[in-house]
Amino acid sequence: MQVYVNGKYCEKEDARISVFDHGLLYGDGVFEGIRVYAGKIFRLDEHLERLYESAKAIDLRVGQTITEMRDLVLEAVRRNGLADAYIRLLITRGVGDLGINPYTCGSSGLIIIVDKIVLYPPEMYDKGLAVITVATQRNLPEAVNPRIKSLNYLNNILAKIEAINAGVEEAIMLNSFGLVSECAGDNIFAVRKGVILTPSISMGVLEGVTRNAVIEMAREKGREVKQLVMTRHDLFIADECFLTGTAAEIVPVVKVDGRVIGDGKPGPITRDLTETYHRLTREEGTEVGNQ
């Protein structure tokens, strides 16, 4: 594995950053997770756009233009020679002093990792998974806005800990009003009487690239999609439920807080969207190409 760290490629074992980097000291930075399918990077431009929006939101000055960043990502994938891969792209605040003032840092740091990722056991894509609502609330937009994909993921991690300790793979997070926001690592959808429902961005939701792709696919198929205010009741009475994310792709949910969803099996709309998404990821994307 060749990891890009601040202008140089190195072996995985030699990939290091300064202990004074504010990305390490304070989680001060932003990141993206991006997928490569059959030598094509899926929705690279959308991921980069969100990355730069996140950076702007925290006043992080990126040392590369978006075009330069695009070229660096393509080169990193080429060097690692994986036709199917997961890209972790990180921009840190950079090296500074031990205070929290971000403006003591010099230039931003840049790390590009190209590797494999498996988020859920394969059988859960066939049989579905159980999720629970956890006590950890989603960050307030007025605090750390969930639309910023920051390196500070402690809010999500605390929710994930609750889920694991309860014996399930994923956690539903509510916002401060007790409304459904998203999961610890994924966006959430429900299907009720043929209509696809998902919490609106204003509920404290990261605007997922896969989330947007699913909404587009569903509408192209003539299905109605509503982004709205959702409660746990909407999930309990749903005919189908599924999660979306770059790493997870589309994973069906068959139980929420002990309530069986539908007939307890992945539903037809979920299966149809999954098949369509798999085709889309193989057909659409930025060619990695050769050097």
Protein backbone atom coordinates (compact mmCIF):
# COMPACT_ATOMS: atom_id res chain seq x y z
CA MET A 1 0.00 0.00 0.00
CA GLN A 2 1.27 3.44 -0.98
CA VAL A 3 -0.12 6.21 1.25
CA TYR A 4 0.11 9.86 0.24
CA VAL A 5 1.13 12.05 3.18
CA ASN A 6 1.84 15.73 2.69
CA GLY A 7 3.42 15.56 -0.73
CA LYS A 8 5.13 12.16 -0.50
CA TYR A 9 4.19 8.53 -0.97
CA CYS A 10 5.25 6.03 1.65
CA GLU A 11 4.54 2.50 2.79
CA LYS A 12 1.65 1.97 5.18
CA GLU A 13 4.05 1.29 8.06
CA ASP A 14 5.88 4.57 7.40
CA ALA A 15 2.80 6.80 7.03
CA ARG A 16 3.15 9.39 9.80
CA ILE A 17 2.09 12.91 10.72
CA SER A 18 3.38 15.33 13.34
CA VAL A 19 2.02 14.97 16.86
CA PHE A 20 1.47 18.75 16.66
CA ASP A 21 -0.97 18.44 13.74
CA HIS A 22 -4.29 19.86 14.91
CA GLY A 23 -6.06 17.08 13.03
CA LEU A 24 -4.62 14.72 15.65
CA LEU A 25 -4.71 17.08 18.62
CA TYR A 26 -8.26 18.33 18.14
CA GLY A 27 -9.90 16.47 15.27
CA ASP A 28 -9.56 19.72 13.33
CA GLY A 29 -9.99 18.81 9.70
CA VAL A 30 -12.33 17.29 7.15
CA PHE A 31 -12.49 14.08 5.17
CA GLU A 32 -14.27 12.10 2.50
CA GLY A 33 -14.78 8.40 1.88
CA ILE A 34 -14.93 7.57 -1.84
CA ARG A 35 -15.40 4.29 -3.70
CA VAL A 36 -13.70 2.84 -6.76
CA TYR A 37 -15.63 0.28 -8.79
CA ALA A 38 -14.05 -1.59 -11.71
CA GLY A 39 -11.43 1.11 -12.23
CA LYS A 40 -13.88 4.01 -12.00
CA ILE A 41 -14.19 6.42 -9.08
CA PHE A 42 -17.87 6.83 -8.26
CA ARG A 43 -19.03 10.45 -8.11
CA LEU A 44 -15.57 11.83 -7.44
CA ASP A 45 -16.57 15.40 -8.27
CA GLU A 46 -19.51 15.31 -5.85
CA HIS A 47 -17.24 14.06 -3.07
CA LEU A 48 -14.64 16.73 -3.76
CA GLU A 49 -17.28 19.44 -3.84
CA ARG A 50 -18.54 18.35 -0.42
CA LEU A 51 -14.97 18.14 0.90
CA TYR A 52 -14.24 21.73 -0.11
CA GLU A 53 -17.58 22.89 1.27
CA SER A 54 -16.75 21.27 4.60
CA ALA A 55 -13.34 22.93 4.58
CA LYS A 56 -14.85 26.32 3.84
CA ALA A 57 -17.38 25.92 6.64
CA ILE A 58 -14.58 25.53 9.20
CA ASP A 59 -12.37 28.17 7.52
CA LEU A 60 -9.75 25.57 6.59
CA ARG A 61 -7.52 26.75 3.77
CA VAL A 62 -6.83 23.84 1.45
CA GLY A 63 -3.40 23.91 -0.16
CA GLN A 64 -4.62 22.48 -3.47
CA THR A 65 -7.21 23.58 -5.97
CA ILE A 66 -10.06 21.16 -6.51
CA THR A 67 -8.56 20.23 -9.90
CA GLU A 68 -5.19 19.52 -8.30
CA MET A 69 -6.88 17.44 -5.62
CA ARG A 70 -8.71 15.47 -8.27
CA ASP A 71 -5.43 14.64 -9.99
CA LEU A 72 -3.81 13.61 -6.70
CA VAL A 73 -6.67 11.22 -5.93
CA LEU A 74 -6.46 9.63 -9.37
CA GLU A 75 -2.71 9.19 -9.02
CA ALA A 76 -3.08 7.60 -5.58
CA VAL A 77 -5.54 5.05 -6.95
CA ARG A 78 -3.25 4.26 -9.88
CA ARG A 79 -0.26 3.70 -7.60
CA ASN A 80 -2.15 1.19 -5.50
CA GLY A 81 -3.44 -0.78 -8.46
CA LEU A 82 -6.85 -1.68 -7.01
CA ALA A 83 -9.76 -1.93 -9.43
CA ASP A 84 -12.21 -1.94 -6.52
CA ALA A 85 -11.22 0.15 -3.53
CA TYR A 86 -12.13 2.64 -0.83
CA ILE A 87 -10.42 6.03 -0.76
CA ARG A 88 -10.04 7.93 2.50
CA LEU A 89 -9.15 11.55 1.73
CA LEU A 90 -8.24 13.75 4.71
CA ILE A 91 -7.34 17.40 5.05
CA THR A 92 -5.99 18.41 8.45
CA ARG A 93 -5.53 21.90 9.85
CA GLY A 94 -1.79 21.25 9.88
CA VAL A 95 0.99 21.67 12.41
CA GLY A 96 0.53 24.32 15.08
CA ASP A 97 1.10 24.87 18.78
CA LEU A 98 -0.73 23.20 21.68
CA GLY A 99 -3.43 25.87 21.86
CA ILE A 100 -6.72 25.51 20.02
CA ASN A 101 -6.19 28.62 17.88
CA PRO A 102 -6.30 27.19 14.33
CA TYR A 103 -4.51 30.20 12.88
CA THR A 104 -1.25 29.19 14.55
CA CYS A 105 -1.07 26.31 12.08
CA GLY A 106 0.93 26.63 8.91
CA SER A 107 -0.16 24.87 5.76
CA SER A 108 -2.92 22.27 5.82
CA GLY A 109 -2.05 18.59 5.80
CA LEU A 110 -3.21 16.12 3.16
CA ILE A 111 -3.50 12.34 3.43
CA ILE A 112 -4.83 9.95 0.78
CA ILE A 113 -5.33 6.27 1.65
CA VAL A 114 -6.46 3.70 -0.91
CA ASP A 115 -7.52 0.38 0.61
CA LYS A 116 -10.37 -2.11 0.98
CA ILE A 117 -13.29 -1.69 3.37
CA VAL A 118 -16.00 -3.99 4.70
CA LEU A 119 -18.53 -2.24 6.90
CA TYR A 120 -21.13 -4.95 7.51
CA PRO A 121 -21.00 -8.76 7.33
CA PRO A 122 -22.06 -10.00 3.85
CA GLU A 123 -25.04 -11.95 5.21
CA MET A 124 -26.65 -8.75 6.46
CA TYR A 125 -27.10 -7.54 2.89
CA ASP A 126 -29.13 -10.70 2.21
CA LYS A 127 -31.02 -10.96 5.49
CA GLY A 128 -31.03 -7.39 6.73
CA LEU A 129 -29.84 -5.97 10.03
CA ALA A 130 -31.34 -4.83 13.30
CA VAL A 131 -30.79 -1.27 14.55
CA ILE A 132 -31.63 0.56 17.74
CA THR A 133 -32.24 4.14 18.76
CA VAL A 134 -29.49 5.34 21.10
CA ALA A 135 -29.35 7.97 23.81
CA THR A 136 -26.53 9.88 22.14
CA GLN A 137 -28.15 12.73 20.22
CA ARG A 138 -26.97 14.05 16.88
CA ASN A 139 -24.92 17.20 17.15
CA LEU A 140 -26.87 20.44 17.00
CA PRO A 141 -26.32 22.29 13.71
CA GLU A 142 -25.53 25.33 15.87
CA ALA A 143 -22.74 23.32 17.57
CA VAL A 144 -20.86 21.02 15.18
CA ASN A 145 -23.03 21.00 12.09
CA PRO A 146 -23.54 17.42 10.84
CA ARG A 147 -23.31 18.74 7.27
CA ILE A 148 -19.60 19.24 7.90
CA LYS A 149 -17.80 15.92 7.42
CA SER A 150 -15.17 16.69 10.02
CA LEU A 151 -12.40 14.59 11.52
CA ASN A 152 -14.11 15.02 14.88
CA TYR A 153 -16.37 11.95 14.78
CA LEU A 154 -16.77 11.42 18.52
CA ASN A 155 -20.52 12.06 18.36
CA ASN A 156 -20.91 9.20 15.88
CA ILE A 157 -18.47 6.97 17.74
CA LEU A 158 -20.38 7.30 21.02
CA ALA A 159 -23.55 6.24 19.20
CA LYS A 160 -21.72 3.31 17.61
CA ILE A 161 -20.48 2.19 21.04
CA GLU A 162 -24.07 2.09 22.30
CA ALA A 163 -25.13 -0.01 19.32
CA ILE A 164 -22.27 -2.48 19.68
CA ASN A 165 -22.86 -2.84 23.40
CA ALA A 166 -26.51 -3.62 22.62
CA GLY A 167 -25.47 -6.33 20.17
CA VAL A 168 -26.44 -4.57 16.92
CA GLU A 169 -24.44 -3.12 14.05
CA GLU A 170 -25.86 0.38 13.73
CA ALA A 171 -27.47 3.13 15.78
CA ILE A 172 -30.28 5.52 14.93
CA MET A 173 -29.54 9.01 16.23
CA LEU A 174 -32.25 11.50 17.08
CA ASN A 175 -31.81 15.26 17.08
CA SER A 176 -32.42 17.50 20.09
CA PHE A 177 -36.17 17.51 19.31
CA GLY A 178 -36.38 13.72 19.41
CA LEU A 179 -36.78 13.45 15.64
CA VAL A 180 -34.98 10.93 13.44
CA SER A 181 -31.76 12.34 12.04
CA GLU A 182 -29.46 9.63 10.70
CA CYS A 183 -27.42 6.66 11.84
CA ALA A 184 -23.93 6.68 13.29
CA GLY A 185 -22.38 6.05 9.90
CA ASP A 186 -25.23 6.03 7.39
CA ASN A 187 -28.30 7.87 6.19
CA ILE A 188 -31.66 6.20 6.79
CA PHE A 189 -34.70 5.63 4.56
CA ALA A 190 -38.13 4.10 5.10
CA VAL A 191 -40.78 2.95 2.62
CA ARG A 192 -44.47 3.34 3.43
CA LYS A 193 -47.22 2.46 0.95
CA GLY A 194 -44.79 2.76 -1.94
CA VAL A 195 -43.47 6.19 -0.93
CA ILE A 196 -39.79 6.49 0.01
CA LEU A 197 -39.18 8.65 3.07
CA THR A 198 -35.97 10.09 4.50
CA PRO A 199 -35.21 12.82 7.05
CA SER A 200 -34.64 16.25 5.55
CA ILE A 201 -31.21 17.86 5.75
CA SER A 202 -32.52 20.29 8.37
CA MET A 203 -32.93 17.39 10.82
CA GLY A 204 -29.16 17.25 11.37
CA VAL A 205 -28.24 15.06 8.44
CA LEU A 206 -25.05 14.74 6.45
CA GLU A 207 -26.02 15.17 2.81
CA GLY A 208 -24.73 11.80 1.70
CA VAL A 209 -23.52 11.22 -1.84
CA THR A 210 -25.10 7.75 -1.82
CA ARG A 211 -28.23 9.24 -0.26
CA ASN A 212 -28.52 11.66 -3.19
CA ALA A 213 -27.84 8.90 -5.71
CA VAL A 214 -30.65 6.76 -4.24
CA ILE A 215 -33.08 9.69 -4.34
CA GLU A 216 -32.18 10.32 -7.99
CA MET A 217 -32.52 6.64 -8.92
CA ALA A 218 -35.87 6.29 -7.21
CA ARG A 219 -37.31 9.38 -8.91
CA GLU A 220 -36.03 8.23 -12.30
CA LYS A 221 -38.00 5.02 -11.70
CA GLY A 222 -41.11 7.13 -11.09
CA ARG A 223 -41.17 6.54 -7.34
CA GLU A 224 -42.20 9.30 -4.98
CA VAL A 225 -39.49 10.41 -2.55
CA LYS A 226 -40.19 12.72 0.38
CA GLN A 227 -37.58 14.45 2.52
CA LEU A 228 -39.43 15.38 5.67
CA VAL A 229 -39.64 15.36 9.45
CA MET A 230 -39.64 11.76 10.70
CA THR A 231 -40.26 10.20 14.09
CA ARG A 232 -39.44 6.71 15.31
CA HIS A 233 -43.13 5.89 14.75
CA ASP A 234 -42.58 6.38 11.01
CA LEU A 235 -39.85 3.74 11.15
CA PHE A 236 -41.85 1.31 13.30
CA ILE A 237 -44.78 1.22 10.87
CA ALA A 238 -42.69 1.25 7.68
CA ASP A 239 -43.08 -1.48 5.10
CA GLU A 240 -39.34 -1.35 4.40
CA CYS A 241 -36.28 0.36 5.82
CA PHE A 242 -32.72 0.67 4.57
CA LEU A 243 -29.49 2.55 5.17
CA THR A 244 -27.19 4.21 2.65
CA GLY A 245 -23.55 5.26 2.73
CA THR A 246 -20.43 5.24 0.60
CA ALA A 247 -18.91 2.33 2.51
CA ALA A 248 -22.19 0.57 3.30
CA GLU A 249 -23.80 1.19 -0.12
CA ILE A 250 -27.43 0.09 0.50
CA VAL A 251 -28.12 -2.23 3.41
CA PRO A 252 -31.63 -3.38 4.38
CA VAL A 253 -32.98 -3.00 7.91
CA VAL A 254 -35.44 -5.62 9.18
CA LYS A 255 -35.79 -4.64 12.82
CA VAL A 256 -35.89 -1.25 14.59
CA ASP A 257 -35.91 -1.13 18.39
CA GLY A 258 -37.25 -4.68 18.47
CA ARG A 259 -40.07 -3.98 15.99
CA VAL A 260 -40.02 -6.17 12.90
CA ILE A 261 -40.13 -4.09 9.72
CA GLY A 262 -42.56 -5.39 7.10
CA ASP A 263 -42.32 -9.17 6.89
CA GLY A 264 -38.87 -9.21 8.46
CA LYS A 265 -37.08 -9.54 5.13
CA PRO A 266 -35.48 -7.00 2.76
CA GLY A 267 -38.35 -5.47 0.80
CA PRO A 268 -38.85 -5.34 -2.99
CA ILE A 269 -38.14 -1.60 -3.32
CA THR A 270 -34.94 -1.96 -1.29
CA ARG A 271 -33.82 -4.90 -3.43
CA ASP A 272 -34.67 -3.06 -6.65
CA LEU A 273 -32.75 0.06 -5.60
CA THR A 274 -29.79 -2.08 -4.55
CA GLU A 275 -29.63 -3.79 -7.94
CA THR A 276 -29.92 -0.46 -9.73
CA TYR A 277 -27.24 1.10 -7.53
CA HIS A 278 -24.83 -1.74 -8.24
CA ARG A 279 -25.34 -1.25 -11.97
CA LEU A 280 -24.89 2.50 -11.61
CA THR A 281 -21.58 2.17 -9.77
CA ARG A 282 -20.22 -0.02 -12.55
CA GLU A 283 -21.43 2.24 -15.35
CA GLU A 284 -20.84 5.72 -13.96
CA GLY A 285 -17.58 7.16 -12.71
CA THR A 286 -14.26 8.83 -13.39
CA GLU A 287 -11.85 6.52 -15.20
CA VAL A 288 -8.66 6.03 -13.23
CA GLY A 289 -6.74 5.09 -16.36
CA ASN A 290 -2.99 4.53 -16.62
CA GLN A 291 -0.11 6.84 -15.89
